[in-house]
Amino acid sequence: LARTRPTAVNLFWAIDRMRRLYDELRGRPLGEIRAELEAAALRLHAEDIAINRAIGQNGASLVPEGRTVLTHCNAGALATAGYGTALGVVRAAVAAGKNIDVFADETRPFLQGARLTVWELEQDGVPATLITDNMAGHFLKSGRIGCVVVGADRIAANGDVANKIGTYSLAVLARENGVPFYVAAPVSTLDLALASGDQIPIEQRAASEVTHVFGRRVAPEGVRVENPAFDVTPGRYVTAIITERGVARPPYGESLKRIVGQPSPVHDESQGAGPTAGSQSA
């Protein structure tokens, strides 16, 4: 299971948590082990939703009133146990009464933005506009975008962020046009054992995701294809990292350590709150 997604650290964290529990239960009757593991999984599910809501609350004030939020890929309820990280910030801002709308990148090649993000926003009644990935620079330059909010799959100790491919380009364009670039992610996404994003493994996916769209070939037979699923955004392009324990700002080498040291607003019965074992700003 862990080998299926080498970039996303949260999966390793959850698997390790369940493995530790299994080791503690080893030797008990099988039915009891199953019941305990199921109960732990349900607790983890509930904790994730509560964590996402806390992320949303911590990030809502950063969303400017009356402006457009640009997001990439899907970091909503469909990508989490519920509520979402990046979309959790949007949801919390709307719940706080802010009049905002969202531009969602389609997110080639798998189209998570087109297939998932805009659907979620429409279900919540949040005005959403779908754009292709190569339109982002145009709209960032136009002055219509108030901020960019994305999720993360892993964050290194220096604030480098691994997220869906295309995030790095978006961050550079946001910096060039003076638009704040926020990353919303739980503390379990922080991998402080990694000094920088250069150490984060990048998942490579099938060429058919690029050469085909919904089963229809759109590229010549035999063409060479590169299909990294993620890229790494250097921390210098990240305005702030929004977690359930608070908002971290540069220099991230210091602020992320302080964030990890903050008490969690969500009860966690496991030992440790992430791969390194919100709320106030750090």
Protein backbone atom coordinates (compact mmCIF):
# COMPACT_ATOMS: atom_id res chain seq x y z
CA LEU A 1 0.00 0.00 0.00
CA ALA A 2 2.78 2.43 0.88
CA ARG A 3 4.53 1.76 -2.43
CA THR A 4 1.50 2.93 -4.40
CA ARG A 5 2.09 6.61 -3.51
CA PRO A 6 5.77 7.30 -2.77
CA THR A 7 5.43 11.11 -2.68
CA ALA A 8 2.55 11.57 -0.22
CA VAL A 9 3.82 11.22 3.34
CA ASN A 10 0.39 11.19 5.02
CA LEU A 11 -0.24 7.65 3.77
CA PHE A 12 2.95 6.42 5.45
CA TRP A 13 1.95 8.19 8.66
CA ALA A 14 -1.48 6.56 8.73
CA ILE A 15 -0.09 3.11 7.89
CA ASP A 16 2.57 3.43 10.61
CA ARG A 17 -0.09 4.44 13.11
CA MET A 18 -2.18 1.36 12.33
CA ARG A 19 0.90 -0.89 12.36
CA ARG A 20 1.85 0.33 15.83
CA LEU A 21 -1.63 -0.48 17.06
CA TYR A 22 -1.51 -3.92 15.45
CA ASP A 23 1.82 -4.64 17.15
CA GLU A 24 0.25 -3.73 20.50
CA LEU A 25 -2.70 -6.05 19.82
CA ARG A 26 -0.64 -8.98 18.55
CA GLY A 27 -1.58 -12.19 20.36
CA ARG A 28 -5.16 -11.19 21.12
CA PRO A 29 -8.16 -13.00 19.56
CA LEU A 30 -8.58 -12.18 15.85
CA GLY A 31 -12.08 -10.76 16.33
CA GLU A 32 -10.83 -8.38 19.00
CA ILE A 33 -7.93 -7.24 16.79
CA ARG A 34 -10.31 -6.55 13.91
CA ALA A 35 -12.66 -4.57 16.12
CA GLU A 36 -9.84 -2.47 17.57
CA LEU A 37 -8.35 -1.74 14.14
CA GLU A 38 -11.74 -0.76 12.74
CA ALA A 39 -12.39 1.55 15.69
CA ALA A 40 -8.96 3.13 15.23
CA ALA A 41 -9.62 3.68 11.52
CA LEU A 42 -12.92 5.40 12.33
CA ARG A 43 -11.16 7.62 14.88
CA LEU A 44 -8.53 8.53 12.30
CA HIS A 45 -11.31 9.42 9.84
CA ALA A 46 -13.05 11.67 12.38
CA GLU A 47 -9.76 13.28 13.41
CA ASP A 48 -8.93 14.10 9.79
CA ILE A 49 -12.21 15.93 9.31
CA ALA A 50 -11.67 17.89 12.52
CA ILE A 51 -8.10 18.72 11.47
CA ASN A 52 -9.30 19.97 8.10
CA ARG A 53 -11.88 22.19 9.76
CA ALA A 54 -9.16 23.64 11.98
CA ILE A 55 -7.00 24.30 8.90
CA GLY A 56 -9.95 26.09 7.35
CA GLN A 57 -10.49 28.26 10.41
CA ASN A 58 -6.81 29.20 10.54
CA GLY A 59 -6.73 30.10 6.86
CA ALA A 60 -10.06 31.87 6.40
CA SER A 61 -8.74 35.26 7.50
CA LEU A 62 -6.04 35.11 4.80
CA VAL A 63 -8.61 35.02 1.99
CA PRO A 64 -9.32 38.59 0.83
CA GLU A 65 -12.95 39.73 0.79
CA GLY A 66 -14.56 40.12 -2.60
CA ARG A 67 -11.72 38.48 -4.52
CA THR A 68 -11.11 35.31 -6.51
CA VAL A 69 -9.19 32.35 -5.08
CA LEU A 70 -7.15 30.25 -7.53
CA THR A 71 -6.60 26.59 -6.67
CA HIS A 72 -4.95 23.59 -8.33
CA CYS A 73 -5.82 19.88 -8.40
CA ASN A 74 -8.26 18.69 -5.70
CA ALA A 75 -7.62 19.35 -2.03
CA GLY A 76 -11.22 19.08 -0.91
CA ALA A 77 -13.52 16.58 0.75
CA LEU A 78 -12.89 14.06 -2.03
CA ALA A 79 -9.14 14.11 -1.36
CA THR A 80 -9.46 13.79 2.42
CA ALA A 81 -11.79 12.22 4.97
CA GLY A 82 -13.97 15.29 4.54
CA TYR A 83 -14.09 19.12 4.31
CA GLY A 84 -10.67 19.42 2.69
CA THR A 85 -7.47 21.40 3.17
CA ALA A 86 -7.26 24.04 0.44
CA LEU A 87 -11.00 23.85 -0.16
CA GLY A 88 -11.45 23.76 3.60
CA VAL A 89 -9.96 27.26 3.69
CA VAL A 90 -12.42 28.32 0.98
CA ARG A 91 -15.34 26.72 2.82
CA ALA A 92 -14.38 28.40 6.10
CA ALA A 93 -14.04 31.79 4.40
CA VAL A 94 -17.49 31.42 2.84
CA ALA A 95 -18.94 30.30 6.19
CA ALA A 96 -17.44 33.43 7.75
CA GLY A 97 -19.50 35.50 5.33
CA LYS A 98 -16.83 36.39 2.79
CA ASN A 99 -18.01 37.06 -0.74
CA ILE A 100 -15.51 35.11 -2.84
CA ASP A 101 -15.38 32.91 -5.90
CA VAL A 102 -12.90 30.28 -7.07
CA PHE A 103 -10.94 29.67 -10.26
CA ALA A 104 -9.94 26.00 -10.54
CA ASP A 105 -7.16 24.78 -12.82
CA GLU A 106 -8.31 21.72 -14.77
CA THR A 107 -5.05 20.00 -13.67
CA ARG A 108 -3.79 17.94 -16.57
CA PRO A 109 -3.27 15.15 -17.20
CA PHE A 110 -5.76 13.54 -14.77
CA LEU A 111 -8.12 16.53 -14.60
CA GLN A 112 -8.76 16.47 -10.86
CA GLY A 113 -9.67 20.15 -10.92
CA ALA A 114 -12.18 19.71 -13.72
CA ARG A 115 -13.66 16.43 -12.50
CA LEU A 116 -13.58 16.92 -8.73
CA THR A 117 -12.88 20.45 -7.51
CA VAL A 118 -15.48 22.36 -9.50
CA TRP A 119 -18.04 19.65 -8.69
CA GLU A 120 -17.38 20.05 -4.95
CA LEU A 121 -17.65 23.82 -5.15
CA GLU A 122 -20.90 23.64 -7.09
CA GLN A 123 -22.36 21.28 -4.48
CA ASP A 124 -21.56 23.90 -1.83
CA GLY A 125 -22.95 26.76 -3.89
CA VAL A 126 -19.55 28.45 -4.17
CA PRO A 127 -19.17 30.27 -7.51
CA ALA A 128 -16.54 28.33 -9.48
CA THR A 129 -14.87 28.92 -12.84
CA LEU A 130 -12.88 26.20 -14.61
CA ILE A 131 -9.73 27.25 -16.48
CA THR A 132 -7.01 25.31 -18.27
CA ASP A 133 -3.64 25.16 -16.56
CA ASN A 134 -1.98 27.41 -19.13
CA MET A 135 -4.48 30.21 -18.44
CA ALA A 136 -3.31 30.73 -14.85
CA GLY A 137 -0.59 33.25 -15.70
CA HIS A 138 -3.04 35.35 -17.70
CA PHE A 139 -5.49 35.63 -14.82
CA LEU A 140 -2.79 36.19 -12.19
CA LYS A 141 -1.47 39.10 -14.24
CA SER A 142 -4.98 40.50 -14.76
CA GLY A 143 -5.37 41.42 -11.09
CA ARG A 144 -8.48 39.28 -10.66
CA ILE A 145 -6.85 36.74 -8.34
CA GLY A 146 -6.64 37.67 -4.66
CA CYS A 147 -4.66 34.62 -3.55
CA VAL A 148 -3.68 31.10 -4.52
CA VAL A 149 -4.48 28.25 -2.11
CA VAL A 150 -3.26 24.69 -2.76
CA GLY A 151 -2.81 21.51 -0.76
CA ALA A 152 0.38 19.49 -0.29
CA ASP A 153 1.53 15.88 -0.35
CA ARG A 154 4.77 16.44 1.56
CA ILE A 155 6.54 19.45 3.04
CA ALA A 156 10.26 19.42 3.85
CA ALA A 157 11.88 21.13 6.82
CA ASN A 158 12.85 24.20 4.76
CA GLY A 159 9.31 24.75 3.48
CA ASP A 160 9.74 23.11 0.08
CA VAL A 161 6.36 21.72 -0.96
CA ALA A 162 5.61 18.63 -3.04
CA ASN A 163 2.20 18.86 -4.64
CA LYS A 164 0.43 18.00 -7.89
CA ILE A 165 2.45 18.71 -11.01
CA GLY A 166 1.95 22.31 -12.09
CA THR A 167 2.01 23.73 -8.56
CA TYR A 168 5.58 25.02 -8.97
CA SER A 169 4.68 26.94 -12.13
CA LEU A 170 1.68 28.44 -10.35
CA ALA A 171 3.82 29.56 -7.41
CA VAL A 172 6.37 31.26 -9.66
CA LEU A 173 3.61 33.05 -11.57
CA ALA A 174 1.97 34.14 -8.32
CA ARG A 175 5.25 35.60 -7.02
CA GLU A 176 5.89 37.41 -10.33
CA ASN A 177 2.47 39.06 -10.09
CA GLY A 178 2.49 39.84 -6.37
CA VAL A 179 -0.26 37.36 -5.45
CA PRO A 180 -0.01 35.52 -2.09
CA PHE A 181 0.59 31.78 -2.47
CA TYR A 182 -0.71 29.70 0.44
CA VAL A 183 -0.30 25.98 1.15
CA ALA A 184 -2.95 24.31 3.34
CA ALA A 185 -1.90 21.00 4.88
CA PRO A 186 -2.06 19.06 8.15
CA VAL A 187 0.96 18.65 10.40
CA SER A 188 1.10 15.00 9.27
CA THR A 189 2.25 16.33 5.87
CA LEU A 190 5.39 17.86 7.41
CA ASP A 191 8.45 15.68 6.96
CA LEU A 192 11.05 17.51 9.02
CA ALA A 193 13.47 14.61 8.56
CA LEU A 194 14.00 15.90 5.01
CA ALA A 195 16.20 18.98 4.82
CA SER A 196 14.80 20.03 1.45
CA GLY A 197 12.42 19.03 -1.30
CA ASP A 198 15.32 17.61 -3.31
CA GLN A 199 14.98 14.48 -1.16
CA ILE A 200 11.28 13.92 -1.91
CA PRO A 201 10.66 11.01 -4.31
CA ILE A 202 8.48 11.97 -7.27
CA GLU A 203 5.94 9.43 -8.47
CA GLN A 204 6.07 8.70 -12.20
CA ARG A 205 2.79 7.69 -13.78
CA ALA A 206 1.69 5.93 -16.96
CA ALA A 207 2.33 7.52 -20.34
CA SER A 208 -1.25 6.76 -21.33
CA GLU A 209 -2.48 9.48 -18.96
CA VAL A 210 -0.81 12.01 -21.27
CA THR A 211 -1.37 10.37 -24.65
CA HIS A 212 -5.03 9.56 -24.01
CA VAL A 213 -7.99 11.56 -22.67
CA PHE A 214 -10.81 9.37 -21.34
CA GLY A 215 -9.61 6.47 -23.46
CA ARG A 216 -9.19 8.45 -26.68
CA ARG A 217 -5.67 8.84 -28.09
CA VAL A 218 -4.66 12.49 -28.60
CA ALA A 219 -0.95 11.99 -29.40
CA PRO A 220 0.94 10.06 -32.10
CA GLU A 221 1.71 6.38 -31.54
CA GLY A 222 5.16 5.79 -30.08
CA VAL A 223 5.76 9.36 -28.89
CA ARG A 224 8.09 9.63 -25.87
CA VAL A 225 6.30 10.77 -22.71
CA GLU A 226 7.34 12.06 -19.29
CA ASN A 227 4.61 12.05 -16.66
CA PRO A 228 5.76 13.06 -13.16
CA ALA A 229 2.69 13.26 -10.92
CA PHE A 230 4.17 15.88 -8.59
CA ASP A 231 6.65 18.74 -8.54
CA VAL A 232 8.44 20.55 -5.73
CA THR A 233 7.85 24.24 -5.06
CA PRO A 234 10.78 25.90 -3.24
CA GLY A 235 9.75 27.40 0.08
CA ARG A 236 10.83 30.87 -1.06
CA TYR A 237 7.71 31.02 -3.25
CA VAL A 238 5.34 30.08 -0.42
CA THR A 239 3.77 33.01 1.44
CA ALA A 240 2.54 30.85 4.34
CA ILE A 241 1.76 27.25 5.27
CA ILE A 242 -1.63 26.84 6.95
CA THR A 243 -1.93 23.91 9.38
CA GLU A 244 -4.38 22.87 12.07
CA ARG A 245 -1.92 24.15 14.69
CA GLY A 246 -1.35 27.57 13.19
CA VAL A 247 0.08 29.43 10.24
CA ALA A 248 3.81 29.09 9.51
CA ARG A 249 5.68 31.86 7.70
CA PRO A 250 9.29 32.18 6.53
CA PRO A 251 11.86 31.30 7.65
CA TYR A 252 10.30 27.84 7.59
CA GLY A 253 13.26 26.11 9.17
CA GLU A 254 12.22 27.79 12.42
CA SER A 255 8.46 28.25 12.07
CA LEU A 256 7.66 24.66 11.09
CA LYS A 257 9.48 23.36 14.16
CA ARG A 258 7.40 25.71 16.30
CA ILE A 259 4.21 24.55 14.61
CA VAL A 260 5.02 20.89 15.34
CA GLY A 261 5.60 21.84 18.97
CA GLN A 262 2.18 23.46 19.31
CA PRO A 263 -0.59 21.41 20.96
CA SER A 264 -3.03 19.90 18.47
CA PRO A 265 -6.59 21.27 18.56
CA VAL A 266 -7.75 17.74 17.72
CA HIS A 267 -7.48 14.83 20.13
CA ASP A 268 -5.04 12.26 18.77
CA GLU A 269 -4.79 8.96 20.62
CA SER A 270 -1.70 7.90 18.69
CA GLN A 271 1.82 8.69 19.85
CA GLY A 272 3.07 11.61 17.83
CA ALA A 273 1.30 13.84 15.36
CA GLY A 274 3.10 13.11 12.14
CA PRO A 275 6.25 11.68 10.63
CA THR A 276 8.33 13.78 13.04
CA ALA A 277 6.62 14.03 16.06
CA GLY A 278 -4.64 24.79 14.94
CA SER A 279 -4.05 28.00 17.16
CA GLN A 280 -1.43 30.67 16.67
CA SER A 281 0.90 32.01 14.02
CA ALA A 282 4.49 30.82 14.08
